[in-house]
Amino acid sequence: MFVLDRNTQALQRAPLLTEAMVRAFMFADATAAAEVERVGRLLEGMFAHALGITDPDERQRDTFHLIADVWMANLVAWVTHRASASEVQKRLSVAVDLLIKD
């Protein structure tokens, strides 16, 4: 949650940048596949590092991707004023709690 909270707060401090990023992801076509994949790998690495995992297995990578999808969906909700910052934080917390068990 620390990684998500810090990144979400940084994005919320720059709403126009966040909106541009969200739009780029939402409307990316096949020509941007390499860039979208690179961002996915960066997120995977951040989540793995935060959990102390040096070589994530397929299930862990799938979990990281699902968390990233929830994060992006909530950034879209925030950018479009359908969710507040606190709602986004709560939704992310619920997703992480459900997907990552101690």
PDB file of N, CA and C in Angstrom:
ATOM      1  N   MET A   1       0.823  -1.191   0.000  1.00  0.00           N
ATOM      2  CA  MET A   1       0.000   0.000   0.000  1.00  0.00           C
ATOM      3  C   MET A   1       0.865   1.252   0.000  1.00  0.00           C
ATOM      4  N   PHE A   2       2.040   1.170   0.618  1.00  0.00           N
ATOM      5  CA  PHE A   2       2.920   2.337   0.659  1.00  0.00           C
ATOM      6  C   PHE A   2       3.257   2.799  -0.753  1.00  0.00           C
ATOM      7  N   VAL A   3       3.619   1.858  -1.616  1.00  0.00           N
ATOM      8  CA  VAL A   3       3.984   2.191  -3.002  1.00  0.00           C
ATOM      9  C   VAL A   3       2.796   2.822  -3.727  1.00  0.00           C
ATOM     10  N   LEU A   4       1.619   2.212  -3.586  1.00  0.00           N
ATOM     11  CA  LEU A   4       0.437   2.760  -4.238  1.00  0.00           C
ATOM     12  C   LEU A   4       0.076   4.132  -3.682  1.00  0.00           C
ATOM     13  N   ASP A   5       0.096   4.259  -2.357  1.00  0.00           N
ATOM     14  CA  ASP A   5      -0.252   5.544  -1.736  1.00  0.00           C
ATOM     15  C   ASP A   5       0.668   6.659  -2.197  1.00  0.00           C
ATOM     16  N   ARG A   6       1.959   6.411  -2.164  1.00  0.00           N
ATOM     17  CA  ARG A   6       2.917   7.456  -2.559  1.00  0.00           C
ATOM     18  C   ARG A   6       2.748   7.854  -4.011  1.00  0.00           C
ATOM     19  N   ASN A   7       2.600   6.881  -4.883  1.00  0.00           N
ATOM     20  CA  ASN A   7       2.440   7.186  -6.305  1.00  0.00           C
ATOM     21  C   ASN A   7       1.101   7.863  -6.583  1.00  0.00           C
ATOM     22  N   THR A   8       0.049   7.418  -5.921  1.00  0.00           N
ATOM     23  CA  THR A   8      -1.266   8.027  -6.118  1.00  0.00           C
ATOM     24  C   THR A   8      -1.266   9.469  -5.627  1.00  0.00           C
ATOM     25  N   GLN A   9      -0.673   9.712  -4.476  1.00  0.00           N
ATOM     26  CA  GLN A   9      -0.605  11.081  -3.954  1.00  0.00           C
ATOM     27  C   GLN A   9       0.185  11.989  -4.897  1.00  0.00           C
ATOM     28  N   ALA A  10       1.272  11.478  -5.432  1.00  0.00           N
ATOM     29  CA  ALA A  10       2.059  12.278  -6.377  1.00  0.00           C
ATOM     30  C   ALA A  10       1.235  12.602  -7.619  1.00  0.00           C
ATOM     31  N   LEU A  11       0.505  11.634  -8.118  1.00  0.00           N
ATOM     32  CA  LEU A  11      -0.329  11.872  -9.296  1.00  0.00           C
ATOM     33  C   LEU A  11      -1.467  12.841  -8.989  1.00  0.00           C
ATOM     34  N   GLN A  12      -2.006  12.777  -7.784  1.00  0.00           N
ATOM     35  CA  GLN A  12      -3.101  13.668  -7.425  1.00  0.00           C
ATOM     36  C   GLN A  12      -2.630  15.112  -7.231  1.00  0.00           C
ATOM     37  N   ARG A  13      -1.357  15.291  -6.975  1.00  0.00           N
ATOM     38  CA  ARG A  13      -0.809  16.650  -6.875  1.00  0.00           C
ATOM     39  C   ARG A  13      -0.616  17.279  -8.257  1.00  0.00           C
ATOM     40  N   ALA A  14      -0.671  16.452  -9.294  1.00  0.00           N
ATOM     41  CA  ALA A  14      -0.512  16.935 -10.677  1.00  0.00           C
ATOM     42  C   ALA A  14      -1.679  16.421 -11.514  1.00  0.00           C
ATOM     43  N   PRO A  15      -2.881  16.966 -11.283  1.00  0.00           N
ATOM     44  CA  PRO A  15      -4.066  16.401 -11.943  1.00  0.00           C
ATOM     45  C   PRO A  15      -4.040  16.460 -13.471  1.00  0.00           C
ATOM     46  N   LEU A  16      -3.469  17.499 -14.039  1.00  0.00           N
ATOM     47  CA  LEU A  16      -3.420  17.572 -15.502  1.00  0.00           C
ATOM     48  C   LEU A  16      -2.478  16.520 -16.078  1.00  0.00           C
ATOM     49  N   LEU A  17      -1.356  16.312 -15.422  1.00  0.00           N
ATOM     50  CA  LEU A  17      -0.429  15.267 -15.845  1.00  0.00           C
ATOM     51  C   LEU A  17      -1.075  13.891 -15.698  1.00  0.00           C
ATOM     52  N   THR A  18      -1.770  13.696 -14.597  1.00  0.00           N
ATOM     53  CA  THR A  18      -2.446  12.421 -14.373  1.00  0.00           C
ATOM     54  C   THR A  18      -3.506  12.174 -15.435  1.00  0.00           C
ATOM     55  N   GLU A  19      -4.271  13.202 -15.753  1.00  0.00           N
ATOM     56  CA  GLU A  19      -5.285  13.057 -16.789  1.00  0.00           C
ATOM     57  C   GLU A  19      -4.651  12.710 -18.133  1.00  0.00           C
ATOM     58  N   ALA A  20      -3.549  13.351 -18.465  1.00  0.00           N
ATOM     59  CA  ALA A  20      -2.853  13.058 -19.722  1.00  0.00           C
ATOM     60  C   ALA A  20      -2.349  11.616 -19.743  1.00  0.00           C
ATOM     61  N   MET A  21      -1.790  11.167 -18.621  1.00  0.00           N
ATOM     62  CA  MET A  21      -1.293   9.798 -18.537  1.00  0.00           C
ATOM     63  C   MET A  21      -2.428   8.793 -18.684  1.00  0.00           C
ATOM     64  N   VAL A  22      -3.523   9.034 -17.981  1.00  0.00           N
ATOM     65  CA  VAL A  22      -4.672   8.132 -18.041  1.00  0.00           C
ATOM     66  C   VAL A  22      -5.224   8.072 -19.463  1.00  0.00           C
ATOM     67  N   ARG A  23      -5.345   9.222 -20.093  1.00  0.00           N
ATOM     68  CA  ARG A  23      -5.848   9.243 -21.474  1.00  0.00           C
ATOM     69  C   ARG A  23      -4.913   8.480 -22.416  1.00  0.00           C
ATOM     70  N   ALA A  24      -3.618   8.648 -22.217  1.00  0.00           N
ATOM     71  CA  ALA A  24      -2.654   7.942 -23.067  1.00  0.00           C
ATOM     72  C   ALA A  24      -2.815   6.427 -22.930  1.00  0.00           C
ATOM     73  N   PHE A  25      -3.028   5.956 -21.712  1.00  0.00           N
ATOM     74  CA  PHE A  25      -3.221   4.517 -21.516  1.00  0.00           C
ATOM     75  C   PHE A  25      -4.552   4.052 -22.069  1.00  0.00           C
ATOM     76  N   MET A  26      -5.589   4.841 -21.867  1.00  0.00           N
ATOM     77  CA  MET A  26      -6.924   4.432 -22.312  1.00  0.00           C
ATOM     78  C   MET A  26      -7.015   4.336 -23.827  1.00  0.00           C
ATOM     79  N   PHE A  27      -6.320   5.224 -24.525  1.00  0.00           N
ATOM     80  CA  PHE A  27      -6.459   5.289 -25.975  1.00  0.00           C
ATOM     81  C   PHE A  27      -5.237   4.781 -26.724  1.00  0.00           C
ATOM     82  N   ALA A  28      -4.336   4.135 -26.027  1.00  0.00           N
ATOM     83  CA  ALA A  28      -3.145   3.591 -26.686  1.00  0.00           C
ATOM     84  C   ALA A  28      -3.557   2.497 -27.664  1.00  0.00           C
ATOM     85  N   ASP A  29      -3.003   2.569 -28.853  1.00  0.00           N
ATOM     86  CA  ASP A  29      -3.277   1.528 -29.834  1.00  0.00           C
ATOM     87  C   ASP A  29      -2.060   0.606 -29.931  1.00  0.00           C
ATOM     88  N   ALA A  30      -2.070  -0.253 -30.907  1.00  0.00           N
ATOM     89  CA  ALA A  30      -1.008  -1.250 -31.038  1.00  0.00           C
ATOM     90  C   ALA A  30       0.372  -0.622 -31.216  1.00  0.00           C
ATOM     91  N   THR A  31       0.425   0.595 -31.740  1.00  0.00           N
ATOM     92  CA  THR A  31       1.730   1.223 -31.950  1.00  0.00           C
ATOM     93  C   THR A  31       2.403   1.603 -30.629  1.00  0.00           C
ATOM     94  N   ALA A  32       1.641   1.654 -29.553  1.00  0.00           N
ATOM     95  CA  ALA A  32       2.200   2.003 -28.237  1.00  0.00           C
ATOM     96  C   ALA A  32       2.341   0.787 -27.332  1.00  0.00           C
ATOM     97  N   ALA A  33       2.187  -0.400 -27.879  1.00  0.00           N
ATOM     98  CA  ALA A  33       2.215  -1.621 -27.071  1.00  0.00           C
ATOM     99  C   ALA A  33       3.518  -1.768 -26.294  1.00  0.00           C
ATOM    100  N   ALA A  34       4.637  -1.443 -26.903  1.00  0.00           N
ATOM    101  CA  ALA A  34       5.927  -1.588 -26.219  1.00  0.00           C
ATOM    102  C   ALA A  34       6.022  -0.656 -25.012  1.00  0.00           C
ATOM    103  N   GLU A  35       5.517   0.555 -25.155  1.00  0.00           N
ATOM    104  CA  GLU A  35       5.559   1.519 -24.053  1.00  0.00           C
ATOM    105  C   GLU A  35       4.629   1.101 -22.917  1.00  0.00           C
ATOM    106  N   VAL A  36       3.444   0.629 -23.264  1.00  0.00           N
ATOM    107  CA  VAL A  36       2.494   0.171 -22.258  1.00  0.00           C
ATOM    108  C   VAL A  36       3.073  -1.033 -21.520  1.00  0.00           C
ATOM    109  N   GLU A  37       3.694  -1.938 -22.240  1.00  0.00           N
ATOM    110  CA  GLU A  37       4.325  -3.115 -21.625  1.00  0.00           C
ATOM    111  C   GLU A  37       5.459  -2.693 -20.701  1.00  0.00           C
ATOM    112  N   ARG A  38       6.228  -1.707 -21.100  1.00  0.00           N
ATOM    113  CA  ARG A  38       7.337  -1.222 -20.268  1.00  0.00           C
ATOM    114  C   ARG A  38       6.824  -0.656 -18.951  1.00  0.00           C
ATOM    115  N   VAL A  39       5.766   0.115 -19.005  1.00  0.00           N
ATOM    116  CA  VAL A  39       5.173   0.649 -17.770  1.00  0.00           C
ATOM    117  C   VAL A  39       4.680  -0.495 -16.889  1.00  0.00           C
ATOM    118  N   GLY A  40       4.073  -1.486 -17.495  1.00  0.00           N
ATOM    119  CA  GLY A  40       3.631  -2.656 -16.733  1.00  0.00           C
ATOM    120  C   GLY A  40       4.769  -3.357 -16.029  1.00  0.00           C
ATOM    121  N   ARG A  41       5.902  -3.495 -16.703  1.00  0.00           N
ATOM    122  CA  ARG A  41       7.074  -4.126 -16.084  1.00  0.00           C
ATOM    123  C   ARG A  41       7.630  -3.271 -14.946  1.00  0.00           C
ATOM    124  N   LEU A  42       7.603  -1.946 -15.120  1.00  0.00           N
ATOM    125  CA  LEU A  42       8.056  -1.054 -14.052  1.00  0.00           C
ATOM    126  C   LEU A  42       7.164  -1.184 -12.816  1.00  0.00           C
ATOM    127  N   LEU A  43       5.857  -1.225 -13.033  1.00  0.00           N
ATOM    128  CA  LEU A  43       4.932  -1.407 -11.916  1.00  0.00           C
ATOM    129  C   LEU A  43       5.156  -2.756 -11.237  1.00  0.00           C
ATOM    130  N   GLU A  44       5.320  -3.785 -12.042  1.00  0.00           N
ATOM    131  CA  GLU A  44       5.593  -5.120 -11.503  1.00  0.00           C
ATOM    132  C   GLU A  44       6.838  -5.088 -10.630  1.00  0.00           C
ATOM    133  N   GLY A  45       7.882  -4.428 -11.100  1.00  0.00           N
ATOM    134  CA  GLY A  45       9.117  -4.327 -10.333  1.00  0.00           C
ATOM    135  C   GLY A  45       8.937  -3.559  -9.037  1.00  0.00           C
ATOM    136  N   MET A  46       8.155  -2.477  -9.080  1.00  0.00           N
ATOM    137  CA  MET A  46       7.894  -1.707  -7.850  1.00  0.00           C
ATOM    138  C   MET A  46       7.152  -2.553  -6.829  1.00  0.00           C
ATOM    139  N   PHE A  47       6.122  -3.255  -7.271  1.00  0.00           N
ATOM    140  CA  PHE A  47       5.334  -4.072  -6.352  1.00  0.00           C
ATOM    141  C   PHE A  47       6.170  -5.222  -5.799  1.00  0.00           C
ATOM    142  N   ALA A  48       6.936  -5.876  -6.659  1.00  0.00           N
ATOM    143  CA  ALA A  48       7.783  -6.988  -6.205  1.00  0.00           C
ATOM    144  C   ALA A  48       8.805  -6.502  -5.186  1.00  0.00           C
ATOM    145  N   HIS A  49       9.436  -5.394  -5.474  1.00  0.00           N
ATOM    146  CA  HIS A  49      10.434  -4.835  -4.553  1.00  0.00           C
ATOM    147  C   HIS A  49       9.801  -4.499  -3.208  1.00  0.00           C
ATOM    148  N   ALA A  50       8.618  -3.894  -3.231  1.00  0.00           N
ATOM    149  CA  ALA A  50       7.934  -3.531  -1.991  1.00  0.00           C
ATOM    150  C   ALA A  50       7.613  -4.755  -1.144  1.00  0.00           C
ATOM    151  N   LEU A  51       7.398  -5.892  -1.803  1.00  0.00           N
ATOM    152  CA  LEU A  51       7.073  -7.125  -1.084  1.00  0.00           C
ATOM    153  C   LEU A  51       8.307  -7.995  -0.824  1.00  0.00           C
ATOM    154  N   GLY A  52       9.472  -7.519  -1.229  1.00  0.00           N
ATOM    155  CA  GLY A  52      10.698  -8.277  -1.019  1.00  0.00           C
ATOM    156  C   GLY A  52      10.824  -9.499  -1.904  1.00  0.00           C
ATOM    157  N   ILE A  53      10.205  -9.455  -3.070  1.00  0.00           N
ATOM    158  CA  ILE A  53      10.236 -10.574  -4.017  1.00  0.00           C
ATOM    159  C   ILE A  53      11.232 -10.239  -5.116  1.00  0.00           C
ATOM    160  N   THR A  54      12.262 -11.060  -5.265  1.00  0.00           N
ATOM    161  CA  THR A  54      13.275 -10.770  -6.278  1.00  0.00           C
ATOM    162  C   THR A  54      12.926 -11.359  -7.644  1.00  0.00           C
ATOM    163  N   ASP A  55      12.233 -12.478  -7.665  1.00  0.00           N
ATOM    164  CA  ASP A  55      11.877 -13.126  -8.929  1.00  0.00           C
ATOM    165  C   ASP A  55      10.429 -13.599  -8.846  1.00  0.00           C
ATOM    166  N   PRO A  56       9.469 -12.713  -9.182  1.00  0.00           N
ATOM    167  CA  PRO A  56       8.061 -13.088  -9.031  1.00  0.00           C
ATOM    168  C   PRO A  56       7.674 -14.239  -9.956  1.00  0.00           C
ATOM    169  N   ASP A  57       6.847 -15.134  -9.425  1.00  0.00           N
ATOM    170  CA  ASP A  57       6.341 -16.220 -10.258  1.00  0.00           C
ATOM    171  C   ASP A  57       5.122 -15.713 -11.051  1.00  0.00           C
ATOM    172  N   GLU A  58       4.562 -16.572 -11.867  1.00  0.00           N
ATOM    173  CA  GLU A  58       3.474 -16.156 -12.752  1.00  0.00           C
ATOM    174  C   GLU A  58       2.260 -15.664 -11.959  1.00  0.00           C
ATOM    175  N   ARG A  59       1.917 -16.352 -10.896  1.00  0.00           N
ATOM    176  CA  ARG A  59       0.765 -15.938 -10.078  1.00  0.00           C
ATOM    177  C   ARG A  59       1.006 -14.567  -9.449  1.00  0.00           C
ATOM    178  N   GLN A  60       2.200 -14.327  -8.961  1.00  0.00           N
ATOM    179  CA  GLN A  60       2.526 -13.025  -8.373  1.00  0.00           C
ATOM    180  C   GLN A  60       2.455 -11.923  -9.436  1.00  0.00           C
ATOM    181  N   ARG A  61       2.994 -12.192 -10.619  1.00  0.00           N
ATOM    182  CA  ARG A  61       2.911 -11.210 -11.705  1.00  0.00           C
ATOM    183  C   ARG A  61       1.452 -10.923 -12.075  1.00  0.00           C
ATOM    184  N   ASP A  62       0.634 -11.975 -12.111  1.00  0.00           N
ATOM    185  CA  ASP A  62      -0.794 -11.787 -12.390  1.00  0.00           C
ATOM    186  C   ASP A  62      -1.451 -10.921 -11.315  1.00  0.00           C
ATOM    187  N   THR A  63      -1.084 -11.147 -10.074  1.00  0.00           N
ATOM    188  CA  THR A  63      -1.615 -10.347  -8.969  1.00  0.00           C
ATOM    189  C   THR A  63      -1.196  -8.889  -9.112  1.00  0.00           C
ATOM    190  N   PHE A  64       0.072  -8.656  -9.440  1.00  0.00           N
ATOM    191  CA  PHE A  64       0.560  -7.285  -9.627  1.00  0.00           C
ATOM    192  C   PHE A  64      -0.190  -6.587 -10.768  1.00  0.00           C
ATOM    193  N   HIS A  65      -0.438  -7.322 -11.846  1.00  0.00           N
ATOM    194  CA  HIS A  65      -1.148  -6.735 -12.986  1.00  0.00           C
ATOM    195  C   HIS A  65      -2.583  -6.393 -12.605  1.00  0.00           C
ATOM    196  N   LEU A  66      -3.206  -7.257 -11.811  1.00  0.00           N
ATOM    197  CA  LEU A  66      -4.567  -6.993 -11.370  1.00  0.00           C
ATOM    198  C   LEU A  66      -4.618  -5.753 -10.478  1.00  0.00           C
ATOM    199  N   ILE A  67      -3.654  -5.613  -9.583  1.00  0.00           N
ATOM    200  CA  ILE A  67      -3.589  -4.417  -8.740  1.00  0.00           C
ATOM    201  C   ILE A  67      -3.370  -3.182  -9.607  1.00  0.00           C
ATOM    202  N   ALA A  68      -2.501  -3.279 -10.594  1.00  0.00           N
ATOM    203  CA  ALA A  68      -2.265  -2.148 -11.499  1.00  0.00           C
ATOM    204  C   ALA A  68      -3.541  -1.794 -12.256  1.00  0.00           C
ATOM    205  N   ASP A  69      -4.327  -2.797 -12.660  1.00  0.00           N
ATOM    206  CA  ASP A  69      -5.596  -2.538 -13.348  1.00  0.00           C
ATOM    207  C   ASP A  69      -6.583  -1.811 -12.428  1.00  0.00           C
ATOM    208  N   VAL A  70      -6.663  -2.252 -11.181  1.00  0.00           N
ATOM    209  CA  VAL A  70      -7.534  -1.589 -10.209  1.00  0.00           C
ATOM    210  C   VAL A  70      -7.069  -0.153  -9.992  1.00  0.00           C
ATOM    211  N   TRP A  71      -5.762   0.020  -9.909  1.00  0.00           N
ATOM    212  CA  TRP A  71      -5.194   1.359  -9.721  1.00  0.00           C
ATOM    213  C   TRP A  71      -5.572   2.265 -10.894  1.00  0.00           C
ATOM    214  N   MET A  72      -5.387   1.773 -12.113  1.00  0.00           N
ATOM    215  CA  MET A  72      -5.705   2.581 -13.293  1.00  0.00           C
ATOM    216  C   MET A  72      -7.192   2.903 -13.343  1.00  0.00           C
ATOM    217  N   ALA A  73      -8.041   1.936 -13.049  1.00  0.00           N
ATOM    218  CA  ALA A  73      -9.485   2.186 -13.050  1.00  0.00           C
ATOM    219  C   ALA A  73      -9.848   3.274 -12.049  1.00  0.00           C
ATOM    220  N   ASN A  74      -9.189   3.269 -10.912  1.00  0.00           N
ATOM    221  CA  ASN A  74      -9.483   4.274  -9.899  1.00  0.00           C
ATOM    222  C   ASN A  74      -8.883   5.625 -10.243  1.00  0.00           C
ATOM    223  N   LEU A  75      -7.770   5.644 -10.940  1.00  0.00           N
ATOM    224  CA  LEU A  75      -7.250   6.921 -11.430  1.00  0.00           C
ATOM    225  C   LEU A  75      -8.214   7.524 -12.449  1.00  0.00           C
ATOM    226  N   VAL A  76      -8.791   6.685 -13.292  1.00  0.00           N
ATOM    227  CA  VAL A  76      -9.800   7.159 -14.243  1.00  0.00           C
ATOM    228  C   VAL A  76     -10.987   7.741 -13.480  1.00  0.00           C
ATOM    229  N   ALA A  77     -11.443   7.037 -12.451  1.00  0.00           N
ATOM    230  CA  ALA A  77     -12.573   7.531 -11.651  1.00  0.00           C
ATOM    231  C   ALA A  77     -12.233   8.862 -10.993  1.00  0.00           C
ATOM    232  N   TRP A  78     -11.008   9.009 -10.512  1.00  0.00           N
ATOM    233  CA  TRP A  78     -10.599  10.257  -9.867  1.00  0.00           C
ATOM    234  C   TRP A  78     -10.509  11.396 -10.883  1.00  0.00           C
ATOM    235  N   VAL A  79      -9.873  11.125 -12.015  1.00  0.00           N
ATOM    236  CA  VAL A  79      -9.697  12.150 -13.050  1.00  0.00           C
ATOM    237  C   VAL A  79     -11.052  12.643 -13.565  1.00  0.00           C
ATOM    238  N   THR A  80     -12.027  11.753 -13.634  1.00  0.00           N
ATOM    239  CA  THR A  80     -13.344  12.121 -14.155  1.00  0.00           C
ATOM    240  C   THR A  80     -14.302  12.540 -13.041  1.00  0.00           C
ATOM    241  N   HIS A  81     -13.767  12.735 -11.846  1.00  0.00           N
ATOM    242  CA  HIS A  81     -14.535  13.227 -10.696  1.00  0.00           C
ATOM    243  C   HIS A  81     -15.655  12.291 -10.269  1.00  0.00           C
ATOM    244  N   ARG A  82     -15.448  10.999 -10.471  1.00  0.00           N
ATOM    245  CA  ARG A  82     -16.421  10.003 -10.014  1.00  0.00           C
ATOM    246  C   ARG A  82     -15.996   9.374  -8.704  1.00  0.00           C
ATOM    247  N   ALA A  83     -14.787   9.699  -8.240  1.00  0.00           N
ATOM    248  CA  ALA A  83     -14.292   9.187  -6.952  1.00  0.00           C
ATOM    249  C   ALA A  83     -13.373  10.234  -6.350  1.00  0.00           C
ATOM    250  N   SER A  84     -13.446  10.352  -5.046  1.00  0.00           N
ATOM    251  CA  SER A  84     -12.558  11.281  -4.338  1.00  0.00           C
ATOM    252  C   SER A  84     -11.218  10.596  -4.076  1.00  0.00           C
ATOM    253  N   ALA A  85     -10.261  11.381  -3.661  1.00  0.00           N
ATOM    254  CA  ALA A  85      -8.947  10.825  -3.334  1.00  0.00           C
ATOM    255  C   ALA A  85      -9.062   9.784  -2.231  1.00  0.00           C
ATOM    256  N   SER A  86      -9.888  10.047  -1.239  1.00  0.00           N
ATOM    257  CA  SER A  86     -10.035   9.081  -0.142  1.00  0.00           C
ATOM    258  C   SER A  86     -10.736   7.810  -0.611  1.00  0.00           C
ATOM    259  N   GLU A  87     -11.678   7.927  -1.536  1.00  0.00           N
ATOM    260  CA  GLU A  87     -12.327   6.731  -2.083  1.00  0.00           C
ATOM    261  C   GLU A  87     -11.330   5.882  -2.869  1.00  0.00           C
ATOM    262  N   VAL A  88     -10.479   6.544  -3.632  1.00  0.00           N
ATOM    263  CA  VAL A  88      -9.456   5.821  -4.388  1.00  0.00           C
ATOM    264  C   VAL A  88      -8.552   5.056  -3.423  1.00  0.00           C
ATOM    265  N   GLN A  89      -8.108   5.707  -2.374  1.00  0.00           N
ATOM    266  CA  GLN A  89      -7.225   5.058  -1.398  1.00  0.00           C
ATOM    267  C   GLN A  89      -7.921   3.858  -0.766  1.00  0.00           C
ATOM    268  N   LYS A  90      -9.196   4.010  -0.414  1.00  0.00           N
ATOM    269  CA  LYS A  90      -9.931   2.904   0.210  1.00  0.00           C
ATOM    270  C   LYS A  90     -10.069   1.732  -0.755  1.00  0.00           C
ATOM    271  N   ARG A  91     -10.413   2.013  -2.007  1.00  0.00           N
ATOM    272  CA  ARG A  91     -10.582   0.942  -2.993  1.00  0.00           C
ATOM    273  C   ARG A  91      -9.266   0.191  -3.229  1.00  0.00           C
ATOM    274  N   LEU A  92      -8.171   0.939  -3.300  1.00  0.00           N
ATOM    275  CA  LEU A  92      -6.872   0.287  -3.487  1.00  0.00           C
ATOM    276  C   LEU A  92      -6.525  -0.575  -2.284  1.00  0.00           C
ATOM    277  N   SER A  93      -6.812  -0.067  -1.104  1.00  0.00           N
ATOM    278  CA  SER A  93      -6.538  -0.825   0.111  1.00  0.00           C
ATOM    279  C   SER A  93      -7.326  -2.131   0.140  1.00  0.00           C
ATOM    280  N   VAL A  94      -8.595  -2.070  -0.242  1.00  0.00           N
ATOM    281  CA  VAL A  94      -9.419  -3.277  -0.281  1.00  0.00           C
ATOM    282  C   VAL A  94      -8.847  -4.272  -1.292  1.00  0.00           C
ATOM    283  N   ALA A  95      -8.481  -3.784  -2.478  1.00  0.00           N
ATOM    284  CA  ALA A  95      -7.938  -4.677  -3.505  1.00  0.00           C
ATOM    285  C   ALA A  95      -6.665  -5.354  -3.022  1.00  0.00           C
ATOM    286  N   VAL A  96      -5.756  -4.588  -2.431  1.00  0.00           N
ATOM    287  CA  VAL A  96      -4.508  -5.166  -1.948  1.00  0.00           C
ATOM    288  C   VAL A  96      -4.782  -6.172  -0.828  1.00  0.00           C
ATOM    289  N   ASP A  97      -5.675  -5.810   0.090  1.00  0.00           N
ATOM    290  CA  ASP A  97      -6.007  -6.742   1.180  1.00  0.00           C
ATOM    291  C   ASP A  97      -6.568  -8.051   0.644  1.00  0.00           C
ATOM    292  N   LEU A  98      -7.399  -7.974  -0.370  1.00  0.00           N
ATOM    293  CA  LEU A  98      -8.008  -9.186  -0.934  1.00  0.00           C
ATOM    294  C   LEU A  98      -7.003 -10.024  -1.729  1.00  0.00           C
ATOM    295  N   LEU A  99      -6.090  -9.358  -2.409  1.00  0.00           N
ATOM    296  CA  LEU A  99      -5.194 -10.070  -3.325  1.00  0.00           C
ATOM    297  C   LEU A  99      -3.882 -10.515  -2.715  1.00  0.00           C
ATOM    298  N   ILE A 100      -3.429  -9.792  -1.695  1.00  0.00           N
ATOM    299  CA  ILE A 100      -2.139 -10.126  -1.096  1.00  0.00           C
ATOM    300  C   ILE A 100      -2.365 -10.449   0.368  1.00  0.00           C
ATOM    301  N   LYS A 101      -2.200 -11.681   0.679  1.00  0.00           N
ATOM    302  CA  LYS A 101      -2.370 -12.155   2.058  1.00  0.00           C
ATOM    303  C   LYS A 101      -1.011 -12.227   2.731  1.00  0.00           C
ATOM    304  N   ASP A 102      -0.941 -11.794   3.982  1.00  0.00           N
ATOM    305  CA  ASP A 102       0.340 -11.879   4.729  1.00  0.00           C
ATOM    306  C   ASP A 102       0.695 -13.309   5.037  1.00  0.00           C
TER     307      ASP A 102
END
